[in-house]
Amino acid sequence: MAVKVAPKKRYFDKEEFIEPGISTVLVGCGRLGSVLANKARKPMIIIDKDKEAFNRLKNPDRHILVNRDIRDPEALARFENKARVIMAIDDFPTAVYAGLCARAVHSVPRVFVYSKSDSVTLRSLKLRAYDEDSTDKF
């Protein structure tokens, strides 16, 4: 299978792409995810199952937008060779599952999961907790 370089300004549904120079994956483009994406200094890969969620972005052309459910293996494959994955979804079990896949399967060194109260559990899984008050560390 030939590997393609991702073109700009498109949504990706089915094919595998390499994203040169992008080191951050953001999962979820809802209320919190869109705030993080709009504050980002560098382009990132943004994964969300709802295509309409990408309308919250001020400058969507800066980022690579992937319209997939995070439980999909092709979406999880986006974590390969990335430096940081940020889970900005409300479904805590799914966020932990995807975070563990990023950490254990794809060897992502920094995985952040949104949580206001479960930081001890996340620390034991070698995941980092964050909430609305600590988003400045991204």
N, C-alpha and C. Protein backbone atom coordinates (compact mmCIF):
# COMPACT_ATOMS: atom_id res chain seq x y z
N MET A 1 0.84 -1.18 0.00
CA MET A 1 0.00 0.00 0.00
C MET A 1 0.88 1.24 0.00
N ALA A 2 0.62 2.12 -0.92
CA ALA A 2 1.39 3.35 -1.02
C ALA A 2 0.99 4.31 0.09
N VAL A 3 1.96 5.01 0.63
CA VAL A 3 1.71 5.98 1.68
C VAL A 3 1.57 7.35 1.04
N LYS A 4 0.53 8.08 1.43
CA LYS A 4 0.29 9.40 0.86
C LYS A 4 0.54 10.46 1.91
N VAL A 5 1.03 11.61 1.46
CA VAL A 5 1.19 12.76 2.34
C VAL A 5 -0.12 13.52 2.36
N ALA A 6 -0.56 13.88 3.55
CA ALA A 6 -1.87 14.52 3.71
C ALA A 6 -1.89 15.91 3.09
N PRO A 7 -2.83 16.15 2.18
CA PRO A 7 -2.98 17.51 1.66
C PRO A 7 -3.68 18.38 2.68
N LYS A 8 -3.55 19.67 2.56
CA LYS A 8 -4.19 20.61 3.49
C LYS A 8 -5.66 20.81 3.13
N LYS A 9 -6.42 21.35 4.08
CA LYS A 9 -7.80 21.80 3.89
C LYS A 9 -8.76 20.70 3.48
N ARG A 10 -8.62 19.52 4.05
CA ARG A 10 -9.54 18.44 3.72
C ARG A 10 -9.87 17.64 4.95
N TYR A 11 -11.02 16.99 4.90
CA TYR A 11 -11.39 16.02 5.92
C TYR A 11 -10.96 14.65 5.43
N PHE A 12 -10.57 13.80 6.36
CA PHE A 12 -10.11 12.48 5.98
C PHE A 12 -11.02 11.44 6.59
N ASP A 13 -11.49 10.53 5.77
CA ASP A 13 -12.41 9.52 6.24
C ASP A 13 -11.82 8.11 6.17
N LYS A 14 -11.19 7.75 5.07
CA LYS A 14 -10.87 6.34 4.91
C LYS A 14 -9.40 6.02 4.68
N GLU A 15 -8.64 6.87 4.05
CA GLU A 15 -7.29 6.50 3.67
C GLU A 15 -6.27 6.82 4.76
N GLU A 16 -5.15 6.11 4.71
CA GLU A 16 -4.05 6.33 5.65
C GLU A 16 -3.14 7.43 5.09
N PHE A 17 -2.74 8.34 5.95
CA PHE A 17 -1.84 9.42 5.53
C PHE A 17 -0.72 9.57 6.55
N ILE A 18 0.38 10.11 6.10
CA ILE A 18 1.46 10.53 7.00
C ILE A 18 1.34 12.04 7.14
N GLU A 19 1.46 12.53 8.36
CA GLU A 19 1.36 13.96 8.60
C GLU A 19 2.74 14.49 8.98
N PRO A 20 3.53 14.98 8.02
CA PRO A 20 4.89 15.41 8.32
C PRO A 20 4.91 16.65 9.22
N GLY A 21 5.73 16.60 10.24
CA GLY A 21 5.95 17.75 11.10
C GLY A 21 4.89 18.01 12.16
N ILE A 22 3.85 17.23 12.22
CA ILE A 22 2.81 17.44 13.23
C ILE A 22 3.04 16.45 14.36
N SER A 23 3.19 16.97 15.58
CA SER A 23 3.54 16.11 16.70
C SER A 23 2.44 15.96 17.74
N THR A 24 1.30 16.64 17.55
CA THR A 24 0.23 16.61 18.54
C THR A 24 -1.07 16.12 17.91
N VAL A 25 -1.76 15.24 18.64
CA VAL A 25 -3.08 14.77 18.23
C VAL A 25 -4.06 15.22 19.31
N LEU A 26 -5.13 15.87 18.90
CA LEU A 26 -6.20 16.29 19.80
C LEU A 26 -7.43 15.45 19.48
N VAL A 27 -7.95 14.76 20.47
CA VAL A 27 -9.13 13.93 20.29
C VAL A 27 -10.32 14.67 20.88
N GLY A 28 -11.25 15.07 20.04
CA GLY A 28 -12.44 15.79 20.48
C GLY A 28 -12.35 17.25 20.10
N CYS A 29 -13.38 17.74 19.42
CA CYS A 29 -13.40 19.14 19.01
C CYS A 29 -14.67 19.80 19.50
N GLY A 30 -15.11 19.42 20.68
CA GLY A 30 -16.29 20.03 21.29
C GLY A 30 -15.91 21.33 21.97
N ARG A 31 -16.57 21.61 23.07
CA ARG A 31 -16.33 22.86 23.80
C ARG A 31 -14.87 23.00 24.21
N LEU A 32 -14.34 22.03 24.92
CA LEU A 32 -12.96 22.11 25.41
C LEU A 32 -11.94 21.91 24.30
N GLY A 33 -12.16 20.93 23.45
CA GLY A 33 -11.21 20.65 22.37
C GLY A 33 -11.04 21.80 21.42
N SER A 34 -12.14 22.48 21.09
CA SER A 34 -12.02 23.62 20.17
C SER A 34 -11.27 24.79 20.81
N VAL A 35 -11.44 24.98 22.12
CA VAL A 35 -10.67 26.03 22.82
C VAL A 35 -9.18 25.70 22.75
N LEU A 36 -8.83 24.45 23.01
CA LEU A 36 -7.42 24.05 22.95
C LEU A 36 -6.87 24.21 21.53
N ALA A 37 -7.64 23.81 20.53
CA ALA A 37 -7.19 23.92 19.14
C ALA A 37 -7.02 25.38 18.73
N ASN A 38 -7.94 26.23 19.16
CA ASN A 38 -7.85 27.64 18.80
C ASN A 38 -6.69 28.34 19.50
N LYS A 39 -6.26 27.85 20.66
CA LYS A 39 -5.12 28.43 21.38
C LYS A 39 -3.78 27.86 20.92
N ALA A 40 -3.82 26.77 20.16
CA ALA A 40 -2.59 26.08 19.76
C ALA A 40 -1.70 26.96 18.90
N ARG A 41 -0.41 26.90 19.17
CA ARG A 41 0.56 27.67 18.39
C ARG A 41 1.00 26.93 17.13
N LYS A 42 0.86 25.60 17.15
CA LYS A 42 1.30 24.78 16.01
C LYS A 42 0.11 23.98 15.48
N PRO A 43 0.20 23.56 14.22
CA PRO A 43 -0.88 22.72 13.69
C PRO A 43 -0.93 21.38 14.40
N MET A 44 -2.10 20.77 14.43
CA MET A 44 -2.27 19.47 15.06
C MET A 44 -3.28 18.65 14.28
N ILE A 45 -3.30 17.38 14.58
CA ILE A 45 -4.31 16.49 14.02
C ILE A 45 -5.47 16.50 15.00
N ILE A 46 -6.67 16.78 14.51
CA ILE A 46 -7.85 16.82 15.37
C ILE A 46 -8.81 15.72 14.91
N ILE A 47 -9.16 14.84 15.84
CA ILE A 47 -10.05 13.71 15.54
C ILE A 47 -11.37 13.93 16.26
N ASP A 48 -12.46 13.85 15.53
CA ASP A 48 -13.79 13.93 16.13
C ASP A 48 -14.76 13.14 15.27
N LYS A 49 -15.70 12.46 15.92
CA LYS A 49 -16.67 11.66 15.17
C LYS A 49 -17.78 12.52 14.56
N ASP A 50 -17.97 13.73 15.06
CA ASP A 50 -19.00 14.63 14.55
C ASP A 50 -18.35 15.69 13.65
N LYS A 51 -18.61 15.61 12.37
CA LYS A 51 -18.00 16.53 11.41
C LYS A 51 -18.39 17.99 11.68
N GLU A 52 -19.58 18.19 12.23
CA GLU A 52 -20.04 19.54 12.54
C GLU A 52 -19.23 20.19 13.66
N ALA A 53 -18.57 19.40 14.49
CA ALA A 53 -17.77 19.95 15.58
C ALA A 53 -16.60 20.79 15.08
N PHE A 54 -16.13 20.49 13.87
CA PHE A 54 -15.01 21.24 13.32
C PHE A 54 -15.39 22.69 13.00
N ASN A 55 -16.68 22.99 12.95
CA ASN A 55 -17.14 24.37 12.71
C ASN A 55 -16.78 25.29 13.87
N ARG A 56 -16.44 24.75 15.02
CA ARG A 56 -16.06 25.57 16.18
C ARG A 56 -14.66 26.16 16.05
N LEU A 57 -13.88 25.66 15.11
CA LEU A 57 -12.50 26.12 14.95
C LEU A 57 -12.46 27.46 14.23
N LYS A 58 -11.62 28.37 14.74
CA LYS A 58 -11.46 29.67 14.12
C LYS A 58 -10.69 29.58 12.81
N ASN A 59 -9.69 28.70 12.77
CA ASN A 59 -8.86 28.55 11.59
C ASN A 59 -8.66 27.06 11.30
N PRO A 60 -9.65 26.39 10.74
CA PRO A 60 -9.55 24.95 10.53
C PRO A 60 -8.51 24.54 9.49
N ASP A 61 -8.11 25.47 8.62
CA ASP A 61 -7.13 25.14 7.59
C ASP A 61 -5.74 24.90 8.16
N ARG A 62 -5.49 25.33 9.38
CA ARG A 62 -4.18 25.10 10.03
C ARG A 62 -3.99 23.64 10.42
N HIS A 63 -5.07 22.94 10.67
CA HIS A 63 -5.01 21.61 11.26
C HIS A 63 -5.45 20.54 10.25
N ILE A 64 -5.09 19.31 10.56
CA ILE A 64 -5.60 18.18 9.80
C ILE A 64 -6.80 17.64 10.57
N LEU A 65 -7.95 17.60 9.92
CA LEU A 65 -9.19 17.22 10.56
C LEU A 65 -9.57 15.80 10.14
N VAL A 66 -9.76 14.94 11.12
CA VAL A 66 -10.07 13.54 10.86
C VAL A 66 -11.45 13.24 11.42
N ASN A 67 -12.38 12.89 10.55
CA ASN A 67 -13.76 12.60 10.95
C ASN A 67 -13.91 11.10 11.20
N ARG A 68 -13.59 10.68 12.44
CA ARG A 68 -13.66 9.27 12.84
C ARG A 68 -13.96 9.17 14.32
N ASP A 69 -14.54 8.05 14.70
CA ASP A 69 -14.70 7.71 16.11
C ASP A 69 -13.35 7.25 16.63
N ILE A 70 -12.98 7.64 17.83
CA ILE A 70 -11.66 7.32 18.37
C ILE A 70 -11.50 5.83 18.64
N ARG A 71 -12.58 5.10 18.74
CA ARG A 71 -12.48 3.65 18.95
C ARG A 71 -12.14 2.91 17.67
N ASP A 72 -12.16 3.60 16.56
CA ASP A 72 -11.82 3.02 15.26
C ASP A 72 -10.30 2.81 15.18
N PRO A 73 -9.83 1.61 14.82
CA PRO A 73 -8.38 1.37 14.74
C PRO A 73 -7.65 2.33 13.81
N GLU A 74 -8.30 2.77 12.73
CA GLU A 74 -7.65 3.72 11.83
C GLU A 74 -7.44 5.08 12.49
N ALA A 75 -8.35 5.46 13.37
CA ALA A 75 -8.16 6.72 14.11
C ALA A 75 -7.04 6.55 15.14
N LEU A 76 -7.01 5.41 15.81
CA LEU A 76 -5.94 5.15 16.79
C LEU A 76 -4.57 5.10 16.13
N ALA A 77 -4.53 4.71 14.86
CA ALA A 77 -3.25 4.66 14.14
C ALA A 77 -2.64 6.05 13.96
N ARG A 78 -3.43 7.10 14.10
CA ARG A 78 -2.91 8.47 14.00
C ARG A 78 -1.94 8.81 15.12
N PHE A 79 -1.92 8.02 16.19
CA PHE A 79 -1.03 8.27 17.32
C PHE A 79 0.41 7.87 17.03
N GLU A 80 0.63 7.12 15.98
CA GLU A 80 1.96 6.61 15.65
C GLU A 80 2.96 7.76 15.47
N ASN A 81 4.08 7.67 16.17
CA ASN A 81 5.19 8.63 16.08
C ASN A 81 4.82 10.06 16.48
N LYS A 82 3.88 10.21 17.37
CA LYS A 82 3.50 11.54 17.85
C LYS A 82 4.11 11.77 19.24
N ALA A 83 4.34 13.03 19.58
CA ALA A 83 4.95 13.38 20.87
C ALA A 83 3.91 13.59 21.96
N ARG A 84 2.67 13.92 21.55
CA ARG A 84 1.66 14.26 22.56
C ARG A 84 0.27 13.97 22.01
N VAL A 85 -0.56 13.37 22.89
CA VAL A 85 -1.97 13.13 22.58
C VAL A 85 -2.80 13.75 23.69
N ILE A 86 -3.80 14.54 23.31
CA ILE A 86 -4.67 15.21 24.27
C ILE A 86 -6.09 14.70 24.07
N MET A 87 -6.66 14.09 25.10
CA MET A 87 -8.03 13.60 25.05
C MET A 87 -8.95 14.70 25.58
N ALA A 88 -9.78 15.25 24.73
CA ALA A 88 -10.71 16.32 25.13
C ALA A 88 -12.14 15.83 24.93
N ILE A 89 -12.41 14.64 25.46
CA ILE A 89 -13.76 14.08 25.33
C ILE A 89 -14.33 13.82 26.72
N ASP A 90 -15.67 13.86 26.81
CA ASP A 90 -16.34 13.69 28.10
C ASP A 90 -16.46 12.23 28.51
N ASP A 91 -16.38 11.31 27.58
CA ASP A 91 -16.53 9.89 27.87
C ASP A 91 -15.22 9.37 28.49
N PHE A 92 -15.16 9.37 29.82
CA PHE A 92 -13.91 9.04 30.53
C PHE A 92 -13.39 7.65 30.19
N PRO A 93 -14.21 6.58 30.19
CA PRO A 93 -13.66 5.26 29.85
C PRO A 93 -13.06 5.19 28.44
N THR A 94 -13.72 5.83 27.48
CA THR A 94 -13.19 5.85 26.13
C THR A 94 -11.89 6.64 26.07
N ALA A 95 -11.81 7.75 26.79
CA ALA A 95 -10.59 8.55 26.83
C ALA A 95 -9.44 7.76 27.44
N VAL A 96 -9.71 7.02 28.50
CA VAL A 96 -8.67 6.20 29.13
C VAL A 96 -8.23 5.09 28.18
N TYR A 97 -9.21 4.43 27.53
CA TYR A 97 -8.88 3.37 26.57
C TYR A 97 -7.98 3.90 25.45
N ALA A 98 -8.37 5.01 24.84
CA ALA A 98 -7.58 5.59 23.76
C ALA A 98 -6.22 6.07 24.27
N GLY A 99 -6.20 6.61 25.48
CA GLY A 99 -4.93 7.04 26.07
C GLY A 99 -3.99 5.89 26.32
N LEU A 100 -4.54 4.77 26.80
CA LEU A 100 -3.70 3.58 27.01
C LEU A 100 -3.19 3.02 25.69
N CYS A 101 -4.02 3.07 24.65
CA CYS A 101 -3.56 2.64 23.33
C CYS A 101 -2.41 3.53 22.84
N ALA A 102 -2.56 4.83 23.04
CA ALA A 102 -1.51 5.76 22.63
C ALA A 102 -0.22 5.48 23.39
N ARG A 103 -0.34 5.25 24.68
CA ARG A 103 0.83 5.05 25.54
C ARG A 103 1.48 3.70 25.31
N ALA A 104 0.69 2.62 25.34
CA ALA A 104 1.25 1.27 25.29
C ALA A 104 1.54 0.78 23.88
N VAL A 105 0.63 1.03 22.96
CA VAL A 105 0.78 0.49 21.61
C VAL A 105 1.65 1.39 20.74
N HIS A 106 1.43 2.70 20.82
CA HIS A 106 2.12 3.63 19.94
C HIS A 106 3.26 4.38 20.62
N SER A 107 3.53 4.11 21.88
CA SER A 107 4.66 4.69 22.63
C SER A 107 4.67 6.22 22.63
N VAL A 108 3.51 6.81 22.77
CA VAL A 108 3.42 8.27 22.86
C VAL A 108 3.89 8.67 24.26
N PRO A 109 4.90 9.53 24.37
CA PRO A 109 5.45 9.84 25.69
C PRO A 109 4.54 10.66 26.60
N ARG A 110 3.72 11.55 26.03
CA ARG A 110 2.86 12.42 26.85
C ARG A 110 1.40 12.28 26.41
N VAL A 111 0.60 11.69 27.29
CA VAL A 111 -0.82 11.50 27.01
C VAL A 111 -1.61 12.20 28.11
N PHE A 112 -2.46 13.13 27.72
CA PHE A 112 -3.27 13.91 28.66
C PHE A 112 -4.73 13.48 28.52
N VAL A 113 -5.39 13.25 29.66
CA VAL A 113 -6.80 12.86 29.68
C VAL A 113 -7.55 13.87 30.54
N TYR A 114 -8.68 14.36 30.03
CA TYR A 114 -9.50 15.32 30.76
C TYR A 114 -10.14 14.64 31.96
N SER A 115 -9.88 15.17 33.16
CA SER A 115 -10.47 14.64 34.38
C SER A 115 -10.36 15.68 35.48
N LYS A 116 -11.46 15.89 36.19
CA LYS A 116 -11.42 16.83 37.31
C LYS A 116 -11.06 16.13 38.61
N SER A 117 -11.34 14.82 38.71
CA SER A 117 -11.22 14.18 40.02
C SER A 117 -10.47 12.86 40.04
N ASP A 118 -10.09 12.33 38.90
CA ASP A 118 -9.53 10.98 38.90
C ASP A 118 -8.04 10.97 38.53
N SER A 119 -7.29 11.94 39.00
CA SER A 119 -5.88 12.05 38.62
C SER A 119 -5.02 10.93 39.21
N VAL A 120 -5.42 10.37 40.36
CA VAL A 120 -4.64 9.28 40.96
C VAL A 120 -4.70 8.04 40.08
N THR A 121 -5.88 7.71 39.59
CA THR A 121 -6.02 6.56 38.69
C THR A 121 -5.23 6.78 37.42
N LEU A 122 -5.33 7.97 36.86
CA LEU A 122 -4.61 8.25 35.63
C LEU A 122 -3.10 8.19 35.83
N ARG A 123 -2.63 8.70 36.96
CA ARG A 123 -1.19 8.64 37.25
C ARG A 123 -0.72 7.20 37.34
N SER A 124 -1.52 6.33 37.95
CA SER A 124 -1.13 4.92 38.06
C SER A 124 -1.07 4.24 36.70
N LEU A 125 -1.81 4.76 35.73
CA LEU A 125 -1.78 4.23 34.36
C LEU A 125 -0.75 4.95 33.49
N LYS A 126 0.02 5.85 34.08
CA LYS A 126 1.03 6.64 33.38
C LYS A 126 0.41 7.58 32.35
N LEU A 127 -0.77 8.10 32.70
CA LEU A 127 -1.43 9.12 31.90
C LEU A 127 -1.49 10.39 32.73
N ARG A 128 -1.56 11.54 32.08
CA ARG A 128 -1.58 12.81 32.80
C ARG A 128 -3.00 13.39 32.79
N ALA A 129 -3.44 13.86 33.94
CA ALA A 129 -4.77 14.46 34.06
C ALA A 129 -4.67 15.97 33.84
N TYR A 130 -5.72 16.52 33.27
CA TYR A 130 -5.82 17.98 33.17
C TYR A 130 -7.30 18.35 33.27
N ASP A 131 -7.57 19.62 33.54
CA ASP A 131 -8.93 20.15 33.54
C ASP A 131 -8.90 21.55 32.92
N GLU A 132 -10.03 22.25 32.95
CA GLU A 132 -10.10 23.57 32.32
C GLU A 132 -9.08 24.55 32.92
N ASP A 133 -8.76 24.40 34.18
CA ASP A 133 -7.84 25.33 34.85
C ASP A 133 -6.38 25.07 34.50
N SER A 134 -6.07 23.91 33.97
CA SER A 134 -4.66 23.57 33.69
C SER A 134 -4.38 23.42 32.22
N THR A 135 -5.18 24.00 31.35
CA THR A 135 -4.95 23.87 29.92
C THR A 135 -3.78 24.71 29.42
N ASP A 136 -3.25 25.59 30.24
CA ASP A 136 -2.12 26.42 29.80
C ASP A 136 -0.84 25.62 29.62
N LYS A 137 -0.76 24.42 30.16
CA LYS A 137 0.47 23.62 30.01
C LYS A 137 0.61 22.98 28.63
N PHE A 138 -0.39 23.15 27.78
CA PHE A 138 -0.28 22.61 26.43
C PHE A 138 0.41 23.62 25.55
